[in-house]
C-alpha cells in the first residue's frame, strides 16, 4: 500500500472520528487506534520521533504516562489500577498523532462532521427532555448518547467553535448558514441539561472569545458582553433545571453539608495531607478512600472511583510529581498553541479542560479524553483564514 492510499484512508478516518465522537465511544476508540496505525504505516519514523521530542508538551505527557506505570510497579495492584491504566493508555496515542500532519481541507471536514454529529446529538437530547423520544429510559443523567456532564462539555466546545467560525472564519456561505442554524440547538440543549461545568465554562470561554473578536471595537464588545449578561440572567430565571442545579451547589458550599462531593473533597484532601509528596499509587483511590470512609462519620454509600476533581485525583495517586507533570502538560500545550497564528483562540480548548477538571476527572473520562485527542489534532493543524 503506497503512502497516497494510506494518507487518503487516514484522512477519512479523522473525518469519521469527528462524526462518531459524540455518538459512540466504542467506534471512536476503534477509529483512534486505526488512525494511529495508519500514521505509523506512513513511515518516516526518524522525523516523527524528532517532532515528538521537540515538543515540551509531548515530553510532559509521556513523563506523566510513564509515572503511572512506574507507580504501578512500585505500589502494586489496587482495585482500580487496571481501570486507570486502561483509561490513560489512550493518551499514548497523542504523541503519535502529534507527529503527523493533516491538510486544511481535512481539518475543515472533520470539524464540520463534529458539528453535525453534535447537532444530531443535541436534537435527540432536546427531544428526550421534552418526552418526544425515550432512548435512556427517562434517566436525566444521560443526554442522547453521553452522560449529561460529558454532553454539556461537548456542547461548550462545539458552541465556541461554531460561534468562532460564523463570526471570524472565511468559509462558503452555505456552510456558514448551516452552522448558524446549528447554534440555537446547541444553546437550547446545553441549558436544558444538568451539567453545570459545561454551562459555566461555555459562558467563560464566550467572554474570552468576544474580547478577542471585538478587541478593536469597544462599542461592539460592550454591546456583546451586555447581551451575554442579559442572556445569562434570562436563562437562570427561566430554566428550572439550571436554577435548581446551581441552587443545590451553592447551598452545599454555604452549609458545608454531607453531599457526596463535599465528602469526597474533604476525605481526599485529608489523605493528600498525610502523603503529599509520593501519593498512594496508580488506581489506589477507591481502596484508600474506602478505608478513611469507614473511620469517620462522613460516609458515601456508593462507590466513587475518583474525587470528582482531576487535580486532586492525580495528586492523590501520583503525589507532587504527578500534579506538576499534569500542569506541565497543559502549560506547554498552551504555550505551543499560542505561538501559532490566531493562537488565542486555539488555547481556549485547553483552558476549558483546566476549568472543567475542577469539577470531575474529565482528562481521564473516556468520552472527554477522546474529545481532547480530537481537539489536539484540530488545533494543531487548522490554518487560520479570516473572513
Protein backbone atom coordinates (compact mmCIF):
# COMPACT_ATOMS: atom_id res chain seq x y z
CA UNK A 1 0.00 0.00 0.00
CA UNK A 2 1.59 3.28 -1.07
CA UNK A 3 1.65 6.44 1.02
CA UNK A 4 -1.05 8.18 -1.05
CA UNK A 5 -3.59 5.46 -0.30
CA UNK A 6 -2.57 5.41 3.37
CA UNK A 7 -2.91 9.18 3.57
CA UNK A 8 -6.37 9.13 1.97
CA UNK A 9 -7.61 6.45 4.36
CA UNK A 10 -6.06 8.29 7.31
CA UNK A 11 -7.87 11.48 6.31
CA UNK A 12 -11.17 9.63 6.00
CA UNK A 13 -10.71 8.10 9.45
CA UNK A 14 -10.18 11.55 11.01
CA UNK A 15 -13.42 12.80 9.44
CA UNK A 16 -15.26 9.72 10.68
CA UNK A 17 -13.81 10.33 14.15
CA UNK A 18 -15.32 13.81 14.14
CA UNK A 19 -18.66 12.29 13.17
CA UNK A 20 -18.63 9.48 15.76
CA UNK A 21 -17.11 11.29 18.72
CA UNK A 22 -20.42 12.20 20.37
CA UNK A 23 -22.35 9.17 19.18
CA UNK A 24 -20.32 6.08 20.10
CA UNK A 25 -17.29 5.80 22.36
CA UNK A 26 -16.61 2.26 21.08
CA UNK A 27 -16.50 3.37 17.44
CA UNK A 28 -14.41 6.42 18.38
CA UNK A 29 -11.83 4.23 20.13
CA UNK A 30 -11.60 1.94 17.12
CA UNK A 31 -11.13 4.94 14.82
CA UNK A 32 -8.38 6.41 17.03
CA UNK A 33 -6.50 3.12 17.07
CA UNK A 34 -6.96 2.85 13.30
CA UNK A 35 -5.70 6.41 12.88
CA UNK A 36 -2.59 5.63 14.94
CA UNK A 37 -1.87 2.51 12.89
CA UNK A 38 -2.23 4.48 9.65
CA UNK A 39 0.10 7.23 10.90
CA UNK A 40 2.67 4.58 11.79
CA UNK A 41 2.27 2.98 8.37
CA UNK A 42 3.30 6.29 6.79
CA UNK A 43 6.84 5.56 7.96
CA UNK A 44 9.47 8.32 8.29
CA UNK A 45 9.93 7.36 11.95
CA UNK A 46 13.04 9.46 12.43
CA UNK A 47 11.18 12.65 11.56
CA UNK A 48 8.18 11.64 13.67
CA UNK A 49 10.37 10.98 16.71
CA UNK A 50 12.12 14.31 16.20
CA UNK A 51 8.73 16.07 16.10
CA UNK A 52 7.65 14.42 19.33
CA UNK A 53 10.91 15.11 21.18
CA UNK A 54 10.90 18.75 20.05
CA UNK A 55 7.65 19.37 21.92
CA UNK A 56 7.75 20.01 25.68
CA UNK A 57 4.02 19.35 25.65
CA UNK A 58 4.56 15.81 24.35
CA UNK A 59 7.54 15.16 26.64
CA UNK A 60 5.49 16.23 29.69
CA UNK A 61 2.65 13.97 28.63
CA UNK A 62 4.97 10.99 28.12
CA UNK A 63 6.57 11.50 31.55
CA UNK A 64 3.11 11.63 33.15
CA UNK A 65 2.08 8.38 31.46
CA UNK A 66 5.37 6.70 32.41
CA UNK A 67 4.83 7.79 36.01
CA UNK A 68 1.51 5.91 36.07
CA UNK A 69 3.36 2.75 35.02
CA UNK A 70 6.21 3.31 37.49
CA UNK A 71 3.76 3.81 40.37
CA UNK A 72 2.01 0.60 39.39
CA UNK A 73 5.26 -1.34 39.74
CA UNK A 74 6.25 0.44 42.97
CA UNK A 75 2.93 0.38 44.85
CA UNK A 76 1.41 -2.73 43.32
CA UNK A 77 -2.10 -3.61 42.18
CA UNK A 78 -5.14 -1.84 43.64
CA UNK A 79 -8.82 -2.28 42.87
CA UNK A 80 -8.80 0.38 40.13
CA UNK A 81 -5.21 0.07 38.87
CA UNK A 82 -6.09 -1.67 35.62
CA UNK A 83 -9.09 0.63 35.14
CA UNK A 84 -6.84 3.70 35.43
CA UNK A 85 -4.11 2.28 33.19
CA UNK A 86 -6.74 1.42 30.59
CA UNK A 87 -8.07 5.00 30.65
CA UNK A 88 -4.70 6.75 30.45
CA UNK A 89 -3.42 4.30 27.81
CA UNK A 90 -5.46 6.19 25.21
CA UNK A 91 -3.23 9.21 25.84
CA UNK A 92 -0.28 7.25 24.45
CA UNK A 93 -1.84 7.76 21.02
CA UNK A 94 -1.47 11.55 21.17
CA UNK A 95 2.32 11.72 20.57
CA UNK A 96 1.86 9.52 17.50
CA UNK A 97 -0.97 11.67 16.18
CA UNK A 98 1.10 14.76 17.00
CA UNK A 99 3.93 13.52 14.78
CA UNK A 100 1.74 13.60 11.67
CA UNK A 101 0.03 16.49 9.89
CA UNK A 102 -3.34 16.97 8.20
CA UNK A 103 -4.38 19.33 5.43
CA UNK A 104 -6.62 22.35 5.94
CA UNK A 105 -9.36 20.69 3.87
CA UNK A 106 -9.40 17.55 6.03
CA UNK A 107 -9.44 19.57 9.25
CA UNK A 108 -12.42 21.55 7.97
CA UNK A 109 -14.29 18.37 7.02
CA UNK A 110 -13.58 16.71 10.37
CA UNK A 111 -14.71 19.80 12.29
CA UNK A 112 -17.91 20.07 10.23
CA UNK A 113 -18.54 16.35 10.86
CA UNK A 114 -18.16 17.01 14.59
CA UNK A 115 -20.54 19.99 14.41
CA UNK A 116 -23.09 17.91 12.53
CA UNK A 117 -22.89 14.98 14.95
CA UNK A 118 -23.36 17.37 17.88
CA UNK A 119 -26.39 18.91 16.12
CA UNK A 120 -27.90 15.43 15.84
CA UNK A 121 -26.98 14.68 19.47
CA UNK A 122 -28.46 18.00 20.65
CA UNK A 123 -31.66 17.36 18.71
CA UNK A 124 -32.02 13.95 20.37
CA UNK A 125 -31.23 15.34 23.83
CA UNK A 126 -33.83 18.11 23.46
CA UNK A 127 -36.40 15.65 22.13
CA UNK A 128 -35.78 13.38 25.09
CA UNK A 129 -36.02 16.24 27.60
CA UNK A 130 -39.47 17.08 26.28
CA UNK A 131 -40.66 13.48 26.06
CA UNK A 132 -40.73 13.11 22.28
CA UNK A 133 -38.28 10.18 22.35
CA UNK A 134 -37.05 7.85 25.08
CA UNK A 135 -33.61 6.39 24.46
CA UNK A 136 -32.33 6.48 28.07
CA UNK A 137 -35.46 5.32 29.93
CA UNK A 138 -36.12 8.83 31.32
CA UNK A 139 -32.71 8.79 33.06
CA UNK A 140 -31.92 12.52 33.38
CA UNK A 141 -28.20 11.82 33.96
CA UNK A 142 -27.87 10.98 30.26
CA UNK A 143 -28.24 13.27 27.25
CA UNK A 144 -28.54 11.47 23.92
CA UNK A 145 -25.59 9.02 23.89
CA UNK A 146 -23.44 10.68 26.57
CA UNK A 147 -23.76 11.29 30.28
CA UNK A 148 -25.12 14.79 30.84
CA UNK A 149 -21.80 16.04 32.27
CA UNK A 150 -19.86 14.89 29.20
CA UNK A 151 -22.55 16.06 26.78
CA UNK A 152 -22.52 19.51 28.36
CA UNK A 153 -18.74 19.74 27.99
CA UNK A 154 -19.04 18.71 24.34
CA UNK A 155 -21.67 21.39 23.81
CA UNK A 156 -19.44 24.06 25.39
CA UNK A 157 -16.70 23.19 22.91
CA UNK A 158 -18.93 22.97 19.86
CA UNK A 159 -20.64 26.28 20.66
CA UNK A 160 -17.33 28.13 20.85
CA UNK A 161 -16.18 26.52 17.59
CA UNK A 162 -19.45 27.32 15.82
CA UNK A 163 -19.59 30.95 17.01
CA UNK A 164 -15.94 31.46 16.05
CA UNK A 165 -16.47 30.01 12.57
CA UNK A 166 -19.59 32.09 11.91
CA UNK A 167 -18.05 35.32 13.19
CA UNK A 168 -14.46 35.05 12.04
CA UNK A 169 -13.51 32.39 9.51
CA UNK A 170 -13.70 32.53 5.74
CA UNK A 171 -15.90 29.64 4.60
CA UNK A 172 -18.54 29.07 1.94
CA UNK A 173 -21.82 30.83 2.63
CA UNK A 174 -23.89 27.63 2.60
CA UNK A 175 -21.72 26.05 5.32
CA UNK A 176 -21.80 29.24 7.37
CA UNK A 177 -25.62 29.23 7.18
CA UNK A 178 -25.82 25.58 8.20
CA UNK A 179 -23.55 26.13 11.19
CA UNK A 180 -25.53 29.24 12.12
CA UNK A 181 -28.69 27.08 12.21
CA UNK A 182 -26.94 24.55 14.47
CA UNK A 183 -26.20 27.13 17.19
CA UNK A 184 -29.76 27.52 18.61
CA UNK A 185 -29.99 23.74 19.06
CA UNK A 186 -26.64 23.67 20.88
CA UNK A 187 -27.73 26.54 23.14
CA UNK A 188 -31.12 25.06 23.93
CA UNK A 189 -29.56 21.69 24.68
CA UNK A 190 -26.79 22.97 26.96
CA UNK A 191 -29.22 24.94 29.14
CA UNK A 192 -31.87 22.22 29.45
CA UNK A 193 -29.40 19.71 30.89
CA UNK A 194 -27.91 19.38 34.35
CA UNK A 195 -24.24 19.85 33.53
CA UNK A 196 -23.15 22.95 35.44
CA UNK A 197 -19.48 22.69 34.48
CA UNK A 198 -20.24 22.83 30.76
CA UNK A 199 -22.58 25.78 31.18
CA UNK A 200 -20.10 27.78 33.27
CA UNK A 201 -17.14 27.05 31.02
CA UNK A 202 -19.13 27.96 27.90
CA UNK A 203 -20.03 31.38 29.30
CA UNK A 204 -16.46 31.97 30.47
CA UNK A 205 -14.93 30.98 27.13
CA UNK A 206 -17.51 33.02 25.26
CA UNK A 207 -16.44 36.12 27.19
CA UNK A 208 -12.82 35.46 26.19
CA UNK A 209 -13.83 34.84 22.58
CA UNK A 210 -15.85 38.06 22.44
CA UNK A 211 -12.90 40.01 23.83
CA UNK A 212 -10.74 38.51 21.07
CA UNK A 213 -13.26 39.14 18.30
CA UNK A 214 -14.06 42.74 19.28
CA UNK A 215 -10.84 43.87 20.97
CA UNK A 216 -10.56 46.74 18.49
CA UNK A 217 -14.30 47.53 18.50
CA UNK A 218 -15.07 48.68 22.03
CA UNK A 219 -18.72 49.56 21.40
CA UNK A 220 -19.41 46.14 19.88
CA UNK A 221 -17.56 44.48 22.75
CA UNK A 222 -19.61 46.30 25.38
CA UNK A 223 -22.83 45.55 23.50
CA UNK A 224 -21.99 41.85 23.11
CA UNK A 225 -20.97 41.43 26.76
CA UNK A 226 -24.12 43.22 27.92
CA UNK A 227 -26.23 40.96 25.69
CA UNK A 228 -24.49 37.92 27.11
CA UNK A 229 -25.15 39.10 30.67
CA UNK A 230 -28.86 39.64 29.94
CA UNK A 231 -29.00 36.24 28.19
CA UNK A 232 -27.43 34.53 31.24
CA UNK A 233 -29.87 36.17 33.68
CA UNK A 234 -32.80 35.21 31.46
CA UNK A 235 -31.68 31.59 31.23
CA UNK A 236 -31.19 31.40 35.00
CA UNK A 237 -34.68 32.74 35.67
CA UNK A 238 -36.48 30.69 33.03
CA UNK A 239 -34.74 27.29 33.19
CA UNK A 240 -35.79 25.29 36.24
CA UNK A 241 -33.02 22.78 35.59
CA UNK A 242 -30.32 25.46 35.63
CA UNK A 243 -31.74 27.24 38.68
CA UNK A 244 -32.22 24.05 40.72
CA UNK A 245 -28.77 22.67 39.92
CA UNK A 246 -27.00 25.90 40.85
CA UNK A 247 -29.13 26.41 43.96
CA UNK A 248 -28.15 22.93 45.12
CA UNK A 249 -24.45 23.59 44.52
CA UNK A 250 -24.50 26.96 46.30
CA UNK A 251 -26.41 25.53 49.25
CA UNK A 252 -23.95 22.65 49.60
CA UNK A 253 -20.98 25.04 49.64
CA UNK A 254 -22.54 27.50 52.09
CA UNK A 255 -23.88 24.94 54.54
CA UNK A 256 -20.97 22.52 54.14
CA UNK A 257 -23.48 19.68 54.21
CA UNK A 258 -22.84 15.99 53.68
CA UNK A 259 -23.34 15.99 49.93
CA UNK A 260 -21.18 13.37 48.28
CA UNK A 261 -18.99 15.96 46.53
CA UNK A 262 -18.16 17.68 49.82
CA UNK A 263 -17.37 14.35 51.45
CA UNK A 264 -15.19 13.27 48.54
CA UNK A 265 -13.34 16.58 48.64
CA UNK A 266 -12.77 16.55 52.42
CA UNK A 267 -11.64 12.92 52.56
CA UNK A 268 -9.34 13.34 49.56
CA UNK A 269 -7.70 16.46 50.99
CA UNK A 270 -7.25 14.68 54.35
CA UNK A 271 -5.44 11.80 52.69
CA UNK A 272 -3.31 14.03 50.46
CA UNK A 273 -2.15 15.94 53.56
CA UNK A 274 -0.91 12.66 55.02
CA UNK A 275 1.19 11.82 51.95
CA UNK A 276 1.51 14.88 49.70
CA UNK A 277 4.87 14.04 48.12
CA UNK A 278 4.62 10.43 46.98
CA UNK A 279 0.89 9.71 46.79
CA UNK A 280 -0.67 6.28 47.19
CA UNK A 281 -0.19 4.57 43.83
CA UNK A 282 -1.92 4.08 40.49
CA UNK A 283 -5.59 3.17 40.96
CA UNK A 284 -5.44 3.44 44.75
CA UNK A 285 -8.21 5.99 45.28
CA UNK A 286 -11.15 3.63 45.82
CA UNK A 287 -9.25 1.45 48.31
CA UNK A 288 -7.71 4.28 50.33
CA UNK A 289 -10.88 6.35 50.28
CA UNK A 290 -12.83 3.34 51.50
CA UNK A 291 -10.51 2.95 54.48
CA UNK A 292 -10.90 6.53 55.75
CA UNK A 293 -14.60 6.47 54.88
CA UNK A 294 -15.11 3.70 57.44
CA UNK A 295 -13.19 5.56 60.14
CA UNK A 296 -15.24 8.79 60.09
CA UNK A 297 -18.85 9.88 60.40
CA UNK A 298 -18.85 11.27 56.86
CA UNK A 299 -19.94 8.42 54.60
CA UNK A 300 -20.62 8.00 50.92
CA UNK A 301 -22.89 5.00 50.43
CA UNK A 302 -21.92 4.33 46.83
CA UNK A 303 -18.62 3.70 45.16
CA UNK A 304 -16.62 6.51 43.51
CA UNK A 305 -13.50 5.81 41.51
CA UNK A 306 -12.39 9.47 41.59
CA UNK A 307 -12.85 12.52 43.89
CA UNK A 308 -14.64 14.43 41.10
CA UNK A 309 -11.61 16.68 40.74
CA UNK A 310 -8.86 15.80 38.28
CA UNK A 311 -6.15 17.70 40.13
CA UNK A 312 -6.86 16.06 43.48
CA UNK A 313 -7.16 12.70 41.76
CA UNK A 314 -3.71 12.90 40.16
CA UNK A 315 -2.13 14.36 43.32
CA UNK A 316 -3.72 11.62 45.44
CA UNK A 317 -2.36 8.76 43.34
CA UNK A 318 0.89 10.15 41.90
CA UNK A 319 1.91 12.69 44.53
CA UNK A 320 3.59 16.04 43.94
CA UNK A 321 5.47 14.94 40.83
CA UNK A 322 2.24 13.77 39.22
CA UNK A 323 0.40 17.05 39.72
CA UNK A 324 3.44 19.01 38.49
CA UNK A 325 3.51 16.92 35.31
CA UNK A 326 -0.23 17.36 34.78
CA UNK A 327 0.13 21.13 34.98
CA UNK A 328 3.18 20.90 32.71
CA UNK A 329 1.15 19.14 30.02
CA UNK A 330 -1.34 22.00 29.82
CA UNK A 331 1.21 24.75 30.40
CA UNK A 332 3.38 23.67 27.48
CA UNK A 333 0.36 22.89 25.32
CA UNK A 334 -0.95 26.42 25.81
CA UNK A 335 2.50 27.90 25.11
CA UNK A 336 2.86 25.85 21.95
CA UNK A 337 -0.60 26.63 20.58
CA UNK A 338 -0.35 30.31 21.47
CA UNK A 339 2.74 30.70 19.28
CA UNK A 340 0.72 29.63 16.23
CA UNK A 341 -1.29 32.10 14.18
CA UNK A 342 -4.54 33.04 15.91
CA UNK A 343 -3.17 31.31 18.99
CA UNK A 344 -5.55 32.99 21.43
CA UNK A 345 -8.50 31.03 20.03
CA UNK A 346 -6.54 27.78 19.90
CA UNK A 347 -5.75 27.91 23.63
CA UNK A 348 -9.43 28.24 24.59
CA UNK A 349 -9.78 24.48 24.37
CA UNK A 350 -7.02 23.53 26.88
CA UNK A 351 -8.27 26.36 29.11
CA UNK A 352 -11.69 24.70 29.01
CA UNK A 353 -10.19 21.44 30.23
CA UNK A 354 -8.31 23.22 33.00
CA UNK A 355 -11.63 24.60 34.24
CA UNK A 356 -13.85 21.53 33.96
CA UNK A 357 -11.19 19.35 35.60
CA UNK A 358 -12.06 21.18 38.82
CA UNK A 359 -15.49 19.50 38.68
CA UNK A 360 -14.57 15.96 37.62
CA UNK A 361 -11.85 13.76 36.14
CA UNK A 362 -12.55 14.84 32.56
CA UNK A 363 -8.96 14.24 31.45
CA UNK A 364 -9.44 10.52 32.12
CA UNK A 365 -13.14 10.19 31.29
CA UNK A 366 -13.47 8.03 28.19
CA UNK A 367 -15.63 10.43 26.17
CA UNK A 368 -13.89 13.70 27.05
CA UNK A 369 -10.48 12.08 26.64
CA UNK A 370 -11.37 11.23 23.04
CA UNK A 371 -12.56 14.83 22.67
CA UNK A 372 -9.20 16.05 23.99
CA UNK A 373 -7.33 13.93 21.44
CA UNK A 374 -9.51 15.11 18.56
CA UNK A 375 -9.26 18.79 19.50
CA UNK A 376 -5.49 18.49 19.93
CA UNK A 377 -5.17 17.34 16.34
CA UNK A 378 -7.55 20.04 15.09
CA UNK A 379 -5.97 22.98 16.93
CA UNK A 380 -2.50 21.97 15.81
CA UNK A 381 -3.38 21.60 12.15
CA UNK A 382 -6.03 24.13 11.24
CA UNK A 383 -4.91 27.11 9.16
CA UNK A 384 -6.45 30.43 10.09
CA UNK A 385 -8.23 32.32 7.33
CA UNK A 386 -10.03 35.48 8.37
CA UNK A 387 -13.36 36.33 6.79
